[in-house]
Amino acid sequence: MAKFLGKLGNALIVGFALLVIVIFAFHGGTETSPYLNGLFRYLHVLFGVMWIGLLYYFNFVQIPTMPSVPAELKPGVSKYIAPAALFWFRWAALMTVLMGVVVACTPPAQGFSSYFIPALTFQPGFRLIGLGMWLGLIMAFNVWFLIWPNQKKALGIVEADADTKAKAATTAMMFSRINTILSIPMLYAMVTQGILGN
């Protein structure tokens, strides 16, 4: 069992096979708009967990721990772990946003319509989810246009002198911290919209 589950691909296959079983065991049909909304909502949350989980890994684990890592071990993080984590981090951010847009554009039930524009324009009944959407969009922008370009310099993926690397590392860290700050109200707005409305 350890040999089988030692490969991430195998664990994902089993997980998604279980997902298919759950889908067909608990849903009468899969061709309705509410079902599609639920499926895209699930994907939005799945990618969001990966994105915010990696954001919290960077801010709660990697950044605070790096100063205490012996110099000879730091390349293991900067050359292998950080680039791999940043790959999943940025693509999870993009997929979270894309799935969120699909959810907001797919009617959640009969008699309901898309809430994409009402949420983005803070119309009554959609202000909380709108706030969550805007915070998520700002965070995704930070990932792709501020954190990732600076991390490429800081990690040596792109050529840069020592001074540029140091400045890029600081910039990437600051925007990562800003995203951590924004994630706190963003998650609240996303989670409570269905309960509190507004």
N, C-alpha and C. Protein backbone atom coordinates (compact mmCIF):
# COMPACT_ATOMS: atom_id res chain seq x y z
N MET A 1 0.82 -1.20 0.00
CA MET A 1 0.00 0.00 0.00
C MET A 1 0.87 1.26 0.00
N ALA A 2 1.95 1.26 0.79
CA ALA A 2 2.82 2.42 0.86
C ALA A 2 3.48 2.68 -0.49
N LYS A 3 3.83 1.61 -1.20
CA LYS A 3 4.45 1.78 -2.51
C LYS A 3 3.45 2.40 -3.49
N PHE A 4 2.20 1.94 -3.44
CA PHE A 4 1.16 2.47 -4.32
C PHE A 4 0.86 3.93 -3.99
N LEU A 5 0.62 4.23 -2.72
CA LEU A 5 0.27 5.59 -2.32
C LEU A 5 1.49 6.51 -2.27
N GLY A 6 2.68 5.94 -2.37
CA GLY A 6 3.89 6.76 -2.43
C GLY A 6 3.94 7.61 -3.68
N LYS A 7 3.17 7.25 -4.69
CA LYS A 7 3.09 8.03 -5.93
C LYS A 7 1.85 8.92 -5.86
N LEU A 8 2.08 10.23 -5.96
CA LEU A 8 0.99 11.19 -5.87
C LEU A 8 -0.09 10.91 -6.92
N GLY A 9 0.32 10.55 -8.12
CA GLY A 9 -0.65 10.27 -9.18
C GLY A 9 -1.63 9.19 -8.79
N ASN A 10 -1.15 8.14 -8.12
CA ASN A 10 -2.04 7.06 -7.70
C ASN A 10 -3.04 7.55 -6.66
N ALA A 11 -2.58 8.35 -5.72
CA ALA A 11 -3.48 8.89 -4.70
C ALA A 11 -4.55 9.77 -5.35
N LEU A 12 -4.17 10.57 -6.34
CA LEU A 12 -5.14 11.43 -7.03
C LEU A 12 -6.15 10.61 -7.81
N ILE A 13 -5.70 9.55 -8.45
CA ILE A 13 -6.61 8.67 -9.20
C ILE A 13 -7.65 8.08 -8.24
N VAL A 14 -7.21 7.59 -7.10
CA VAL A 14 -8.13 7.01 -6.12
C VAL A 14 -9.09 8.08 -5.60
N GLY A 15 -8.56 9.26 -5.30
CA GLY A 15 -9.41 10.34 -4.80
C GLY A 15 -10.49 10.73 -5.80
N PHE A 16 -10.11 10.87 -7.08
CA PHE A 16 -11.09 11.26 -8.08
C PHE A 16 -12.04 10.11 -8.42
N ALA A 17 -11.59 8.87 -8.30
CA ALA A 17 -12.50 7.73 -8.46
C ALA A 17 -13.56 7.76 -7.36
N LEU A 18 -13.15 8.04 -6.14
CA LEU A 18 -14.12 8.18 -5.04
C LEU A 18 -15.07 9.34 -5.30
N LEU A 19 -14.56 10.41 -5.86
CA LEU A 19 -15.41 11.55 -6.20
C LEU A 19 -16.49 11.14 -7.19
N VAL A 20 -16.12 10.38 -8.23
CA VAL A 20 -17.09 9.92 -9.22
C VAL A 20 -18.15 9.05 -8.55
N ILE A 21 -17.74 8.18 -7.65
CA ILE A 21 -18.69 7.34 -6.92
C ILE A 21 -19.66 8.20 -6.12
N VAL A 22 -19.14 9.20 -5.43
CA VAL A 22 -20.00 10.09 -4.64
C VAL A 22 -20.97 10.84 -5.55
N ILE A 23 -20.47 11.33 -6.68
CA ILE A 23 -21.33 12.07 -7.62
C ILE A 23 -22.50 11.21 -8.07
N PHE A 24 -22.23 9.99 -8.48
CA PHE A 24 -23.31 9.15 -9.00
C PHE A 24 -24.15 8.52 -7.90
N ALA A 25 -23.61 8.36 -6.71
CA ALA A 25 -24.38 7.78 -5.60
C ALA A 25 -25.33 8.79 -4.97
N PHE A 26 -24.99 10.08 -5.01
CA PHE A 26 -25.77 11.07 -4.28
C PHE A 26 -26.50 12.08 -5.15
N HIS A 27 -26.35 12.01 -6.48
CA HIS A 27 -27.05 12.95 -7.36
C HIS A 27 -27.91 12.18 -8.34
N GLY A 28 -29.15 12.65 -8.51
CA GLY A 28 -30.06 11.99 -9.44
C GLY A 28 -29.69 12.25 -10.89
N GLY A 29 -29.09 13.37 -11.17
CA GLY A 29 -28.70 13.70 -12.53
C GLY A 29 -27.57 14.70 -12.51
N THR A 30 -26.83 14.72 -13.60
CA THR A 30 -25.67 15.62 -13.64
C THR A 30 -25.76 16.61 -14.79
N GLU A 31 -26.95 16.79 -15.34
CA GLU A 31 -27.05 17.66 -16.51
C GLU A 31 -27.88 18.90 -16.25
N THR A 32 -28.02 19.26 -15.00
CA THR A 32 -28.79 20.46 -14.68
C THR A 32 -27.86 21.60 -14.32
N SER A 33 -28.36 22.81 -14.48
CA SER A 33 -27.57 23.99 -14.13
C SER A 33 -27.16 23.98 -12.65
N PRO A 34 -28.07 23.64 -11.72
CA PRO A 34 -27.64 23.60 -10.31
C PRO A 34 -26.51 22.59 -10.07
N TYR A 35 -26.58 21.44 -10.76
CA TYR A 35 -25.51 20.46 -10.58
C TYR A 35 -24.19 21.03 -11.08
N LEU A 36 -24.21 21.64 -12.26
CA LEU A 36 -22.98 22.21 -12.81
C LEU A 36 -22.43 23.30 -11.89
N ASN A 37 -23.33 24.12 -11.34
CA ASN A 37 -22.90 25.16 -10.41
C ASN A 37 -22.21 24.51 -9.21
N GLY A 38 -22.80 23.44 -8.69
CA GLY A 38 -22.20 22.74 -7.55
C GLY A 38 -20.85 22.13 -7.90
N LEU A 39 -20.74 21.56 -9.10
CA LEU A 39 -19.47 20.96 -9.53
C LEU A 39 -18.39 22.02 -9.66
N PHE A 40 -18.71 23.15 -10.28
CA PHE A 40 -17.71 24.22 -10.42
C PHE A 40 -17.40 24.87 -9.07
N ARG A 41 -18.39 24.92 -8.19
CA ARG A 41 -18.16 25.44 -6.83
C ARG A 41 -17.15 24.52 -6.11
N TYR A 42 -17.34 23.20 -6.28
CA TYR A 42 -16.40 22.23 -5.69
C TYR A 42 -14.99 22.46 -6.23
N LEU A 43 -14.86 22.62 -7.55
CA LEU A 43 -13.54 22.85 -8.15
C LEU A 43 -12.94 24.17 -7.68
N HIS A 44 -13.79 25.18 -7.53
CA HIS A 44 -13.35 26.48 -7.00
C HIS A 44 -12.75 26.30 -5.61
N VAL A 45 -13.43 25.55 -4.77
CA VAL A 45 -12.94 25.31 -3.40
C VAL A 45 -11.69 24.44 -3.43
N LEU A 46 -11.67 23.40 -4.26
CA LEU A 46 -10.51 22.51 -4.34
C LEU A 46 -9.25 23.29 -4.72
N PHE A 47 -9.33 24.09 -5.79
CA PHE A 47 -8.17 24.89 -6.18
C PHE A 47 -7.86 25.97 -5.15
N GLY A 48 -8.91 26.52 -4.53
CA GLY A 48 -8.71 27.54 -3.50
C GLY A 48 -7.97 27.00 -2.29
N VAL A 49 -8.29 25.77 -1.90
CA VAL A 49 -7.59 25.14 -0.78
C VAL A 49 -6.11 24.99 -1.10
N MET A 50 -5.81 24.58 -2.34
CA MET A 50 -4.41 24.44 -2.75
C MET A 50 -3.72 25.81 -2.74
N TRP A 51 -4.37 26.81 -3.28
CA TRP A 51 -3.79 28.15 -3.37
C TRP A 51 -3.53 28.74 -1.98
N ILE A 52 -4.57 28.79 -1.16
CA ILE A 52 -4.42 29.42 0.15
C ILE A 52 -3.56 28.54 1.06
N GLY A 53 -3.65 27.23 0.89
CA GLY A 53 -2.78 26.34 1.66
C GLY A 53 -1.30 26.62 1.39
N LEU A 54 -0.96 26.81 0.12
CA LEU A 54 0.42 27.13 -0.22
C LEU A 54 0.80 28.54 0.23
N LEU A 55 -0.13 29.49 0.14
CA LEU A 55 0.12 30.84 0.66
C LEU A 55 0.46 30.76 2.15
N TYR A 56 -0.31 29.97 2.89
CA TYR A 56 -0.06 29.84 4.33
C TYR A 56 1.22 29.05 4.61
N TYR A 57 1.52 28.07 3.75
CA TYR A 57 2.80 27.35 3.89
C TYR A 57 3.96 28.34 3.78
N PHE A 58 3.93 29.19 2.74
CA PHE A 58 5.01 30.16 2.57
C PHE A 58 5.12 31.09 3.78
N ASN A 59 3.99 31.59 4.25
CA ASN A 59 3.99 32.62 5.30
C ASN A 59 4.12 32.08 6.72
N PHE A 60 3.61 30.89 6.96
CA PHE A 60 3.68 30.33 8.31
C PHE A 60 4.86 29.38 8.51
N VAL A 61 5.39 28.83 7.41
CA VAL A 61 6.46 27.82 7.52
C VAL A 61 7.75 28.27 6.85
N GLN A 62 7.72 28.45 5.53
CA GLN A 62 8.97 28.68 4.80
C GLN A 62 9.65 30.00 5.15
N ILE A 63 8.93 31.11 5.06
CA ILE A 63 9.56 32.41 5.32
C ILE A 63 10.11 32.50 6.74
N PRO A 64 9.33 32.12 7.78
CA PRO A 64 9.88 32.23 9.13
C PRO A 64 11.02 31.25 9.43
N THR A 65 11.05 30.11 8.72
CA THR A 65 12.05 29.08 8.99
C THR A 65 13.36 29.32 8.26
N MET A 66 13.32 29.95 7.10
CA MET A 66 14.53 30.10 6.28
C MET A 66 15.71 30.74 7.01
N PRO A 67 15.53 31.75 7.85
CA PRO A 67 16.70 32.32 8.54
C PRO A 67 17.44 31.31 9.43
N SER A 68 16.73 30.29 9.93
CA SER A 68 17.38 29.31 10.81
C SER A 68 17.92 28.09 10.05
N VAL A 69 17.68 28.03 8.75
CA VAL A 69 18.20 26.91 7.95
C VAL A 69 19.68 27.16 7.68
N PRO A 70 20.54 26.16 7.94
CA PRO A 70 21.97 26.34 7.67
C PRO A 70 22.21 26.69 6.19
N ALA A 71 23.19 27.55 5.97
CA ALA A 71 23.47 28.06 4.62
C ALA A 71 23.63 26.96 3.59
N GLU A 72 24.29 25.86 3.98
CA GLU A 72 24.52 24.79 3.00
C GLU A 72 23.24 24.05 2.62
N LEU A 73 22.17 24.19 3.42
CA LEU A 73 20.90 23.52 3.13
C LEU A 73 19.91 24.41 2.38
N LYS A 74 20.13 25.71 2.40
CA LYS A 74 19.19 26.65 1.76
C LYS A 74 18.97 26.38 0.27
N PRO A 75 20.00 25.98 -0.49
CA PRO A 75 19.75 25.70 -1.91
C PRO A 75 18.71 24.58 -2.13
N GLY A 76 18.58 23.67 -1.17
CA GLY A 76 17.56 22.63 -1.30
C GLY A 76 16.16 23.22 -1.36
N VAL A 77 15.96 24.28 -0.60
CA VAL A 77 14.66 24.97 -0.61
C VAL A 77 14.55 25.86 -1.84
N SER A 78 15.56 26.71 -2.07
CA SER A 78 15.46 27.70 -3.14
C SER A 78 15.54 27.11 -4.54
N LYS A 79 16.18 25.96 -4.71
CA LYS A 79 16.31 25.37 -6.04
C LYS A 79 15.27 24.30 -6.33
N TYR A 80 14.71 23.69 -5.30
CA TYR A 80 13.80 22.56 -5.53
C TYR A 80 12.41 22.77 -4.94
N ILE A 81 12.33 23.02 -3.64
CA ILE A 81 11.03 23.10 -2.97
C ILE A 81 10.27 24.35 -3.37
N ALA A 82 10.89 25.52 -3.25
CA ALA A 82 10.19 26.77 -3.55
C ALA A 82 9.70 26.84 -5.00
N PRO A 83 10.53 26.51 -6.01
CA PRO A 83 10.01 26.58 -7.38
C PRO A 83 8.83 25.64 -7.62
N ALA A 84 8.89 24.44 -7.04
CA ALA A 84 7.77 23.50 -7.21
C ALA A 84 6.52 24.04 -6.52
N ALA A 85 6.68 24.55 -5.30
CA ALA A 85 5.54 25.11 -4.58
C ALA A 85 4.97 26.31 -5.31
N LEU A 86 5.83 27.16 -5.87
CA LEU A 86 5.37 28.34 -6.61
C LEU A 86 4.64 27.96 -7.89
N PHE A 87 5.03 26.86 -8.52
CA PHE A 87 4.31 26.37 -9.70
C PHE A 87 2.86 26.09 -9.34
N TRP A 88 2.65 25.25 -8.32
CA TRP A 88 1.29 24.89 -7.91
C TRP A 88 0.55 26.11 -7.36
N PHE A 89 1.27 26.98 -6.67
CA PHE A 89 0.70 28.18 -6.07
C PHE A 89 0.06 29.09 -7.14
N ARG A 90 0.82 29.40 -8.18
CA ARG A 90 0.30 30.34 -9.16
C ARG A 90 -0.79 29.73 -10.03
N TRP A 91 -0.65 28.44 -10.39
CA TRP A 91 -1.69 27.83 -11.22
C TRP A 91 -2.96 27.56 -10.42
N ALA A 92 -2.81 27.25 -9.14
CA ALA A 92 -4.00 27.10 -8.29
C ALA A 92 -4.72 28.43 -8.15
N ALA A 93 -3.96 29.53 -8.06
CA ALA A 93 -4.57 30.87 -8.00
C ALA A 93 -5.40 31.13 -9.25
N LEU A 94 -4.81 30.86 -10.40
CA LEU A 94 -5.52 31.10 -11.66
C LEU A 94 -6.77 30.23 -11.76
N MET A 95 -6.65 28.94 -11.44
CA MET A 95 -7.80 28.04 -11.54
C MET A 95 -8.88 28.39 -10.53
N THR A 96 -8.49 28.87 -9.36
CA THR A 96 -9.47 29.31 -8.36
C THR A 96 -10.30 30.46 -8.92
N VAL A 97 -9.63 31.42 -9.52
CA VAL A 97 -10.33 32.58 -10.09
C VAL A 97 -11.22 32.14 -11.25
N LEU A 98 -10.70 31.32 -12.15
CA LEU A 98 -11.50 30.87 -13.30
C LEU A 98 -12.74 30.10 -12.86
N MET A 99 -12.57 29.18 -11.91
CA MET A 99 -13.71 28.41 -11.42
C MET A 99 -14.70 29.32 -10.68
N GLY A 100 -14.19 30.32 -9.97
CA GLY A 100 -15.07 31.27 -9.29
C GLY A 100 -15.90 32.07 -10.28
N VAL A 101 -15.29 32.48 -11.39
CA VAL A 101 -16.03 33.20 -12.43
C VAL A 101 -17.11 32.31 -13.01
N VAL A 102 -16.78 31.05 -13.28
CA VAL A 102 -17.78 30.12 -13.81
C VAL A 102 -18.93 29.95 -12.82
N VAL A 103 -18.62 29.80 -11.53
CA VAL A 103 -19.67 29.65 -10.51
C VAL A 103 -20.57 30.88 -10.51
N ALA A 104 -19.97 32.06 -10.54
CA ALA A 104 -20.74 33.30 -10.49
C ALA A 104 -21.58 33.51 -11.75
N CYS A 105 -21.19 32.86 -12.84
CA CYS A 105 -21.92 33.01 -14.10
C CYS A 105 -22.91 31.87 -14.36
N THR A 106 -22.89 30.83 -13.53
CA THR A 106 -23.78 29.68 -13.69
C THR A 106 -24.91 29.77 -12.68
N PRO A 107 -26.15 29.81 -13.13
CA PRO A 107 -27.27 29.91 -12.17
C PRO A 107 -27.24 28.76 -11.16
N PRO A 108 -27.33 29.08 -9.85
CA PRO A 108 -27.23 28.05 -8.83
C PRO A 108 -28.48 27.19 -8.69
N ALA A 109 -29.63 27.66 -9.15
CA ALA A 109 -30.87 26.88 -9.04
C ALA A 109 -31.90 27.46 -9.99
N GLN A 110 -32.98 26.70 -10.20
CA GLN A 110 -34.06 27.17 -11.06
C GLN A 110 -34.58 28.52 -10.55
N GLY A 111 -34.81 29.44 -11.44
CA GLY A 111 -35.35 30.73 -11.05
C GLY A 111 -34.29 31.74 -10.62
N PHE A 112 -33.05 31.32 -10.56
CA PHE A 112 -31.96 32.24 -10.19
C PHE A 112 -31.14 32.55 -11.44
N SER A 113 -30.44 33.65 -11.38
CA SER A 113 -29.59 34.02 -12.51
C SER A 113 -28.16 34.21 -12.04
N SER A 114 -27.30 34.51 -12.98
CA SER A 114 -25.90 34.77 -12.68
C SER A 114 -25.77 35.94 -11.70
N TYR A 115 -24.81 35.84 -10.80
CA TYR A 115 -24.58 36.96 -9.87
C TYR A 115 -23.22 37.61 -10.10
N PHE A 116 -22.59 37.34 -11.22
CA PHE A 116 -21.26 37.86 -11.49
C PHE A 116 -21.22 39.39 -11.46
N ILE A 117 -22.04 40.03 -12.28
CA ILE A 117 -22.05 41.50 -12.33
C ILE A 117 -22.63 42.10 -11.04
N PRO A 118 -23.75 41.58 -10.51
CA PRO A 118 -24.24 42.14 -9.24
C PRO A 118 -23.20 42.08 -8.12
N ALA A 119 -22.42 41.01 -8.08
CA ALA A 119 -21.40 40.89 -7.03
C ALA A 119 -20.26 41.87 -7.26
N LEU A 120 -19.77 41.95 -8.48
CA LEU A 120 -18.65 42.85 -8.76
C LEU A 120 -19.01 44.32 -8.59
N THR A 121 -20.31 44.63 -8.69
CA THR A 121 -20.76 46.01 -8.52
C THR A 121 -21.40 46.25 -7.15
N PHE A 122 -21.23 45.29 -6.25
CA PHE A 122 -21.69 45.41 -4.85
C PHE A 122 -23.18 45.72 -4.73
N GLN A 123 -24.00 45.07 -5.55
CA GLN A 123 -25.44 45.27 -5.44
C GLN A 123 -25.97 44.58 -4.19
N PRO A 124 -27.06 45.10 -3.61
CA PRO A 124 -27.62 44.49 -2.40
C PRO A 124 -27.87 43.00 -2.57
N GLY A 125 -27.53 42.24 -1.55
CA GLY A 125 -27.65 40.79 -1.60
C GLY A 125 -26.38 40.10 -2.09
N PHE A 126 -25.47 40.86 -2.66
CA PHE A 126 -24.25 40.29 -3.23
C PHE A 126 -22.99 41.03 -2.78
N ARG A 127 -23.12 41.87 -1.77
CA ARG A 127 -21.97 42.69 -1.37
C ARG A 127 -20.86 41.86 -0.73
N LEU A 128 -21.22 40.90 0.11
CA LEU A 128 -20.17 40.07 0.74
C LEU A 128 -19.42 39.25 -0.30
N ILE A 129 -20.15 38.57 -1.16
CA ILE A 129 -19.48 37.75 -2.17
C ILE A 129 -18.69 38.65 -3.13
N GLY A 130 -19.22 39.84 -3.39
CA GLY A 130 -18.50 40.80 -4.24
C GLY A 130 -17.18 41.21 -3.61
N LEU A 131 -17.22 41.48 -2.31
CA LEU A 131 -15.97 41.82 -1.60
C LEU A 131 -14.99 40.66 -1.69
N GLY A 132 -15.47 39.44 -1.46
CA GLY A 132 -14.61 38.26 -1.57
C GLY A 132 -14.02 38.11 -2.95
N MET A 133 -14.84 38.36 -3.98
CA MET A 133 -14.37 38.25 -5.36
C MET A 133 -13.28 39.29 -5.65
N TRP A 134 -13.52 40.53 -5.25
CA TRP A 134 -12.52 41.57 -5.51
C TRP A 134 -11.22 41.29 -4.76
N LEU A 135 -11.32 40.84 -3.51
CA LEU A 135 -10.10 40.51 -2.76
C LEU A 135 -9.36 39.35 -3.42
N GLY A 136 -10.10 38.34 -3.88
CA GLY A 136 -9.48 37.22 -4.59
C GLY A 136 -8.81 37.65 -5.87
N LEU A 137 -9.45 38.56 -6.61
CA LEU A 137 -8.85 39.06 -7.86
C LEU A 137 -7.56 39.84 -7.58
N ILE A 138 -7.59 40.66 -6.55
CA ILE A 138 -6.38 41.41 -6.17
C ILE A 138 -5.27 40.44 -5.79
N MET A 139 -5.62 39.43 -5.01
CA MET A 139 -4.63 38.44 -4.59
C MET A 139 -4.05 37.68 -5.78
N ALA A 140 -4.91 37.27 -6.72
CA ALA A 140 -4.42 36.55 -7.91
C ALA A 140 -3.53 37.46 -8.75
N PHE A 141 -3.89 38.73 -8.87
CA PHE A 141 -3.03 39.69 -9.57
C PHE A 141 -1.66 39.75 -8.89
N ASN A 142 -1.66 39.84 -7.57
CA ASN A 142 -0.40 39.88 -6.83
C ASN A 142 0.45 38.65 -7.10
N VAL A 143 -0.20 37.48 -7.14
CA VAL A 143 0.53 36.23 -7.39
C VAL A 143 1.23 36.27 -8.74
N TRP A 144 0.48 36.60 -9.79
CA TRP A 144 1.00 36.49 -11.14
C TRP A 144 1.89 37.66 -11.56
N PHE A 145 1.62 38.86 -11.06
CA PHE A 145 2.32 40.03 -11.58
C PHE A 145 3.28 40.68 -10.58
N LEU A 146 3.27 40.25 -9.33
CA LEU A 146 4.18 40.82 -8.35
C LEU A 146 5.00 39.74 -7.63
N ILE A 147 4.34 38.73 -7.11
CA ILE A 147 5.06 37.69 -6.37
C ILE A 147 5.90 36.83 -7.31
N TRP A 148 5.28 36.24 -8.33
CA TRP A 148 6.00 35.32 -9.21
C TRP A 148 7.16 35.99 -9.96
N PRO A 149 6.99 37.15 -10.59
CA PRO A 149 8.14 37.77 -11.27
C PRO A 149 9.30 38.07 -10.32
N ASN A 150 8.98 38.48 -9.10
CA ASN A 150 10.05 38.77 -8.14
C ASN A 150 10.66 37.49 -7.58
N GLN A 151 9.87 36.46 -7.40
CA GLN A 151 10.42 35.19 -6.94
C GLN A 151 11.37 34.59 -7.98
N LYS A 152 11.04 34.76 -9.25
CA LYS A 152 11.95 34.24 -10.29
C LYS A 152 13.33 34.86 -10.16
N LYS A 153 13.38 36.16 -9.85
CA LYS A 153 14.68 36.82 -9.66
C LYS A 153 15.32 36.35 -8.36
N ALA A 154 14.54 36.33 -7.28
CA ALA A 154 15.08 35.98 -5.97
C ALA A 154 15.63 34.55 -5.93
N LEU A 155 14.99 33.65 -6.65
CA LEU A 155 15.41 32.24 -6.64
C LEU A 155 16.45 31.92 -7.71
N GLY A 156 16.78 32.90 -8.53
CA GLY A 156 17.78 32.66 -9.57
C GLY A 156 17.24 31.96 -10.80
N ILE A 157 15.92 31.90 -10.94
CA ILE A 157 15.32 31.31 -12.14
C ILE A 157 15.57 32.25 -13.32
N VAL A 158 15.59 33.55 -13.03
CA VAL A 158 15.92 34.59 -14.00
C VAL A 158 17.21 35.24 -13.51
N GLU A 159 18.13 35.53 -14.42
CA GLU A 159 19.40 36.14 -14.04
C GLU A 159 19.18 37.51 -13.40
N ALA A 160 19.84 37.72 -12.28
CA ALA A 160 19.78 39.01 -11.58
C ALA A 160 20.99 39.12 -10.67
N ASP A 161 21.47 40.36 -10.46
CA ASP A 161 22.60 40.54 -9.56
C ASP A 161 22.12 40.40 -8.11
N ALA A 162 23.06 40.35 -7.19
CA ALA A 162 22.75 40.09 -5.78
C ALA A 162 21.82 41.15 -5.20
N ASP A 163 22.04 42.41 -5.55
CA ASP A 163 21.19 43.49 -5.02
C ASP A 163 19.76 43.36 -5.54
N THR A 164 19.62 43.06 -6.82
CA THR A 164 18.30 42.88 -7.43
C THR A 164 17.59 41.69 -6.80
N LYS A 165 18.34 40.60 -6.56
CA LYS A 165 17.75 39.42 -5.93
C LYS A 165 17.22 39.75 -4.54
N ALA A 166 18.00 40.49 -3.77
CA ALA A 166 17.58 40.85 -2.41
C ALA A 166 16.33 41.72 -2.44
N LYS A 167 16.29 42.71 -3.33
CA LYS A 167 15.11 43.57 -3.45
C LYS A 167 13.91 42.77 -3.91
N ALA A 168 14.11 41.87 -4.86
CA ALA A 168 13.01 41.05 -5.38
C ALA A 168 12.47 40.13 -4.29
N ALA A 169 13.35 39.56 -3.47
CA ALA A 169 12.91 38.70 -2.37
C ALA A 169 12.04 39.48 -1.38
N THR A 170 12.46 40.71 -1.08
CA THR A 170 11.68 41.55 -0.16
C THR A 170 10.32 41.90 -0.76
N THR A 171 10.31 42.27 -2.03
CA THR A 171 9.04 42.60 -2.69
C THR A 171 8.11 41.40 -2.71
N ALA A 172 8.63 40.24 -3.09
CA ALA A 172 7.80 39.03 -3.13
C ALA A 172 7.25 38.71 -1.74
N MET A 173 8.08 38.83 -0.72
CA MET A 173 7.64 38.55 0.65
C MET A 173 6.56 39.53 1.08
N MET A 174 6.73 40.82 0.77
CA MET A 174 5.74 41.82 1.17
C MET A 174 4.38 41.56 0.53
N PHE A 175 4.36 41.22 -0.75
CA PHE A 175 3.08 40.95 -1.40
C PHE A 175 2.50 39.62 -0.97
N SER A 176 3.34 38.68 -0.60
CA SER A 176 2.85 37.44 -0.02
C SER A 176 2.18 37.71 1.32
N ARG A 177 2.78 38.59 2.12
CA ARG A 177 2.18 38.97 3.39
C ARG A 177 0.88 39.75 3.18
N ILE A 178 0.86 40.63 2.17
CA ILE A 178 -0.37 41.35 1.84
C ILE A 178 -1.47 40.36 1.47
N ASN A 179 -1.13 39.34 0.68
CA ASN A 179 -2.12 38.33 0.33
C ASN A 179 -2.60 37.57 1.56
N THR A 180 -1.71 37.31 2.51
CA THR A 180 -2.12 36.64 3.74
C THR A 180 -3.13 37.52 4.48
N ILE A 181 -2.84 38.81 4.56
CA ILE A 181 -3.76 39.75 5.21
C ILE A 181 -5.11 39.76 4.50
N LEU A 182 -5.09 39.86 3.17
CA LEU A 182 -6.33 39.92 2.39
C LEU A 182 -7.11 38.61 2.45
N SER A 183 -6.41 37.49 2.62
CA SER A 183 -7.08 36.19 2.65
C SER A 183 -8.03 36.05 3.83
N ILE A 184 -7.74 36.75 4.92
CA ILE A 184 -8.56 36.60 6.13
C ILE A 184 -9.98 37.16 5.89
N PRO A 185 -10.15 38.42 5.44
CA PRO A 185 -11.52 38.86 5.13
C PRO A 185 -12.08 38.21 3.88
N MET A 186 -11.22 37.85 2.91
CA MET A 186 -11.70 37.21 1.69
C MET A 186 -12.40 35.89 2.01
N LEU A 187 -11.76 35.06 2.83
CA LEU A 187 -12.36 33.78 3.19
C LEU A 187 -13.66 33.97 3.98
N TYR A 188 -13.68 34.95 4.86
CA TYR A 188 -14.90 35.24 5.62
C TYR A 188 -16.03 35.62 4.66
N ALA A 189 -15.75 36.50 3.71
CA ALA A 189 -16.78 36.94 2.78
C ALA A 189 -17.28 35.77 1.93
N MET A 190 -16.38 34.92 1.47
CA MET A 190 -16.77 33.78 0.65
C MET A 190 -17.62 32.77 1.42
N VAL A 191 -17.21 32.49 2.65
CA VAL A 191 -17.87 31.45 3.43
C VAL A 191 -19.22 31.91 3.97
N THR A 192 -19.33 33.18 4.36
CA THR A 192 -20.56 33.63 5.02
C THR A 192 -21.61 34.19 4.07
N GLN A 193 -21.29 34.40 2.81
CA GLN A 193 -22.27 34.96 1.86
C GLN A 193 -23.56 34.14 1.86
N GLY A 194 -23.44 32.83 1.76
CA GLY A 194 -24.63 31.98 1.69
C GLY A 194 -25.45 31.98 2.97
N ILE A 195 -24.82 32.29 4.09
CA ILE A 195 -25.51 32.28 5.37
C ILE A 195 -26.05 33.66 5.71
N LEU A 196 -25.21 34.68 5.53
CA LEU A 196 -25.58 36.03 5.95
C LEU A 196 -26.17 36.87 4.83
N GLY A 197 -25.90 36.44 3.58
CA GLY A 197 -26.36 37.26 2.46
C GLY A 197 -25.62 38.60 2.46
N ASN A 198 -26.37 39.65 2.25
CA ASN A 198 -25.86 41.02 2.29
C ASN A 198 -25.30 41.38 0.94
